[in-house]
Protein backbone atom coordinates (compact mmCIF):
# COMPACT_ATOMS: atom_id res chain seq x y z
CA MET A 1 -23.72 -63.35 163.27
CA PHE A 2 -23.29 -64.85 166.74
CA ALA A 3 -22.73 -61.44 168.33
CA ARG A 4 -25.95 -60.29 166.70
CA GLN A 5 -27.76 -63.34 168.04
CA GLN A 6 -26.45 -62.81 171.59
CA ALA A 7 -27.26 -59.09 171.49
CA ALA A 8 -30.80 -59.81 170.30
CA ALA A 9 -31.30 -62.31 173.14
CA ILE A 10 -30.11 -59.86 175.79
CA ILE A 11 -32.08 -56.97 174.33
CA LYS A 12 -35.22 -59.14 174.62
CA ILE A 13 -34.74 -59.28 178.40
CA GLN A 14 -33.54 -55.68 178.74
CA ALA A 15 -36.85 -54.35 180.09
CA GLU A 16 -36.84 -56.93 182.88
CA LEU A 17 -33.18 -56.21 183.62
CA ASN A 18 -34.06 -52.51 183.89
CA THR A 19 -36.84 -53.37 186.35
CA LEU A 20 -34.28 -55.20 188.49
CA GLY A 21 -31.97 -52.17 188.39
CA VAL A 22 -29.40 -53.91 186.19
CA SER A 23 -27.39 -51.75 183.81
CA LEU A 24 -26.21 -53.20 180.53
CA VAL A 25 -22.63 -52.60 179.48
CA ALA A 26 -21.13 -53.95 176.26
CA ILE A 27 -17.47 -54.03 175.34
CA GLY A 28 -16.60 -54.49 171.69
CA ASN A 29 -13.24 -54.75 170.01
CA GLY A 30 -13.96 -52.91 166.78
CA SER A 31 -13.69 -49.19 166.21
CA PRO A 32 -15.88 -46.62 167.99
CA GLU A 33 -17.76 -46.09 164.71
CA GLN A 34 -18.44 -49.82 164.40
CA ALA A 35 -19.69 -49.90 168.00
CA ARG A 36 -22.10 -47.03 167.34
CA ASP A 37 -23.32 -48.77 164.19
CA PHE A 38 -23.89 -52.00 166.15
CA ALA A 39 -25.85 -50.15 168.87
CA ASP A 40 -27.97 -48.33 166.28
CA LYS A 41 -28.77 -51.51 164.32
CA PHE A 42 -29.77 -53.53 167.36
CA GLY A 43 -31.32 -50.86 169.54
CA PHE A 44 -28.75 -51.36 172.28
CA THR A 45 -29.24 -48.58 174.83
CA GLY A 46 -26.76 -49.60 177.51
CA GLU A 47 -23.25 -48.26 177.94
CA LEU A 48 -20.92 -49.20 175.12
CA PHE A 49 -17.13 -49.31 175.27
CA VAL A 50 -14.45 -50.27 172.77
CA ASP A 51 -11.30 -52.20 173.64
CA GLU A 52 -9.32 -52.58 170.42
CA GLY A 53 -6.29 -53.84 172.37
CA LEU A 54 -8.36 -56.70 173.91
CA GLN A 55 -7.14 -55.94 177.45
CA THR A 56 -10.61 -56.43 178.95
CA TYR A 57 -11.01 -59.72 177.10
CA LYS A 58 -7.66 -60.92 178.47
CA ALA A 59 -8.52 -59.76 182.01
CA PHE A 60 -11.73 -61.82 181.95
CA GLY A 61 -9.97 -64.85 180.46
CA LEU A 62 -11.99 -64.83 177.25
CA LYS A 63 -10.95 -67.26 174.53
CA ARG A 64 -9.36 -66.37 171.22
CA GLY A 65 -8.29 -68.41 168.21
CA PHE A 66 -8.88 -69.30 164.58
CA TRP A 67 -10.36 -72.73 165.37
CA LYS A 68 -12.59 -71.24 168.08
CA THR A 69 -14.17 -69.11 165.36
CA LEU A 70 -14.15 -71.46 162.38
CA GLY A 71 -13.94 -74.93 163.90
CA PRO A 72 -16.46 -77.67 163.06
CA ALA A 73 -18.71 -77.00 166.09
CA SER A 74 -18.90 -73.31 165.22
CA VAL A 75 -19.78 -74.05 161.60
CA VAL A 76 -22.62 -76.35 162.70
CA ARG A 77 -23.90 -73.68 165.10
CA GLY A 78 -23.62 -71.16 162.27
CA PHE A 79 -26.06 -73.11 160.12
CA LYS A 80 -28.49 -73.39 163.04
CA THR A 81 -28.18 -69.66 163.69
CA MET A 82 -28.85 -68.87 160.03
CA GLY A 83 -31.94 -71.06 160.31
CA GLN A 84 -33.13 -68.68 163.05
CA GLY A 85 -32.83 -65.74 160.65
CA PHE A 86 -29.43 -64.34 161.64
CA ARG A 87 -26.91 -63.56 158.90
CA GLN A 88 -23.26 -62.69 158.91
CA GLY A 89 -22.88 -59.03 158.09
CA ARG A 90 -19.75 -57.01 157.62
CA SER A 91 -17.30 -58.14 160.30
CA ALA A 92 -15.84 -55.72 162.81
CA GLY A 93 -12.97 -56.03 165.23
CA ASP A 94 -10.93 -59.14 165.96
CA LEU A 95 -12.68 -62.03 164.23
CA TRP A 96 -10.91 -64.66 166.33
CA GLN A 97 -11.87 -63.14 169.71
CA GLN A 98 -14.71 -64.88 171.53
CA GLY A 99 -16.95 -63.11 173.99
CA GLY A 100 -18.79 -63.79 177.18
CA ILE A 101 -21.42 -62.44 179.53
CA PHE A 102 -20.89 -61.43 183.13
CA VAL A 103 -23.21 -60.20 185.85
CA ILE A 104 -21.14 -58.04 188.13
CA GLY A 105 -22.82 -57.10 191.36
CA PRO A 106 -22.29 -55.07 194.47
CA GLY A 107 -18.66 -54.73 195.45
CA ASN A 108 -17.58 -55.69 191.92
CA ARG A 109 -18.33 -59.35 192.63
CA ILE A 110 -18.87 -61.61 189.63
CA LEU A 111 -22.29 -63.13 190.24
CA PHE A 112 -22.59 -64.94 186.91
CA SER A 113 -20.14 -65.67 184.15
CA HIS A 114 -20.25 -67.41 180.82
CA ILE A 115 -17.11 -67.54 178.70
CA ASN A 116 -17.80 -68.55 175.10
CA GLU A 117 -15.61 -71.56 174.35
CA ARG A 118 -16.11 -71.06 170.61
CA ALA A 119 -18.23 -69.04 168.22
CA GLY A 120 -21.90 -69.66 168.91
CA ASP A 121 -21.37 -70.92 172.47
CA GLN A 122 -23.50 -68.32 174.19
CA ALA A 123 -25.00 -67.71 177.59
CA ASP A 124 -28.62 -68.61 178.13
CA PRO A 125 -30.46 -65.30 178.65
CA LYS A 126 -32.76 -67.05 181.16
CA ALA A 127 -29.72 -67.95 183.29
CA VAL A 128 -28.48 -64.36 183.08
CA LEU A 129 -31.88 -63.07 184.14
CA GLU A 130 -32.11 -65.58 186.98
CA ALA A 131 -28.69 -64.52 188.31
CA CYS A 132 -29.87 -60.92 188.27
CA ARG A 133 -33.14 -61.80 190.04
CA ILE A 134 -31.39 -63.76 192.77
CA ASN A 135 -28.88 -61.01 193.36
CA SER A 136 -31.17 -58.00 192.99
CA ASN A 137 -31.84 -57.98 196.76
CA ILE A 138 -28.17 -57.98 197.84
């Protein structure tokens, strides 16, 4: 449900990201079929990769753990997210793996990063967009 929420937020700013010359890339940890299904359901048109071994997640220092997914703070955020109309569908990939959002710019520099500390701890799309705006002239 939280991945759906984050994807929906980023897709809402996708047109502006395109205007800035920013390419979207998503890395999931389910199967290739599950990734295609996710892209189809949410209208994701960026590049999509699958890392079932979680190597990319480890390289970026992303968090993983049972309590990060089902701890009290995540449960509270889950109810708020459901109140916004998002529902938990069929799960895919490693349920305990948390995500993040990165803006990687010229020279492979990380210009913005947000590592989800727990389920539902997501980057503010406005902050992502602002990082892209500031760095679009580099």
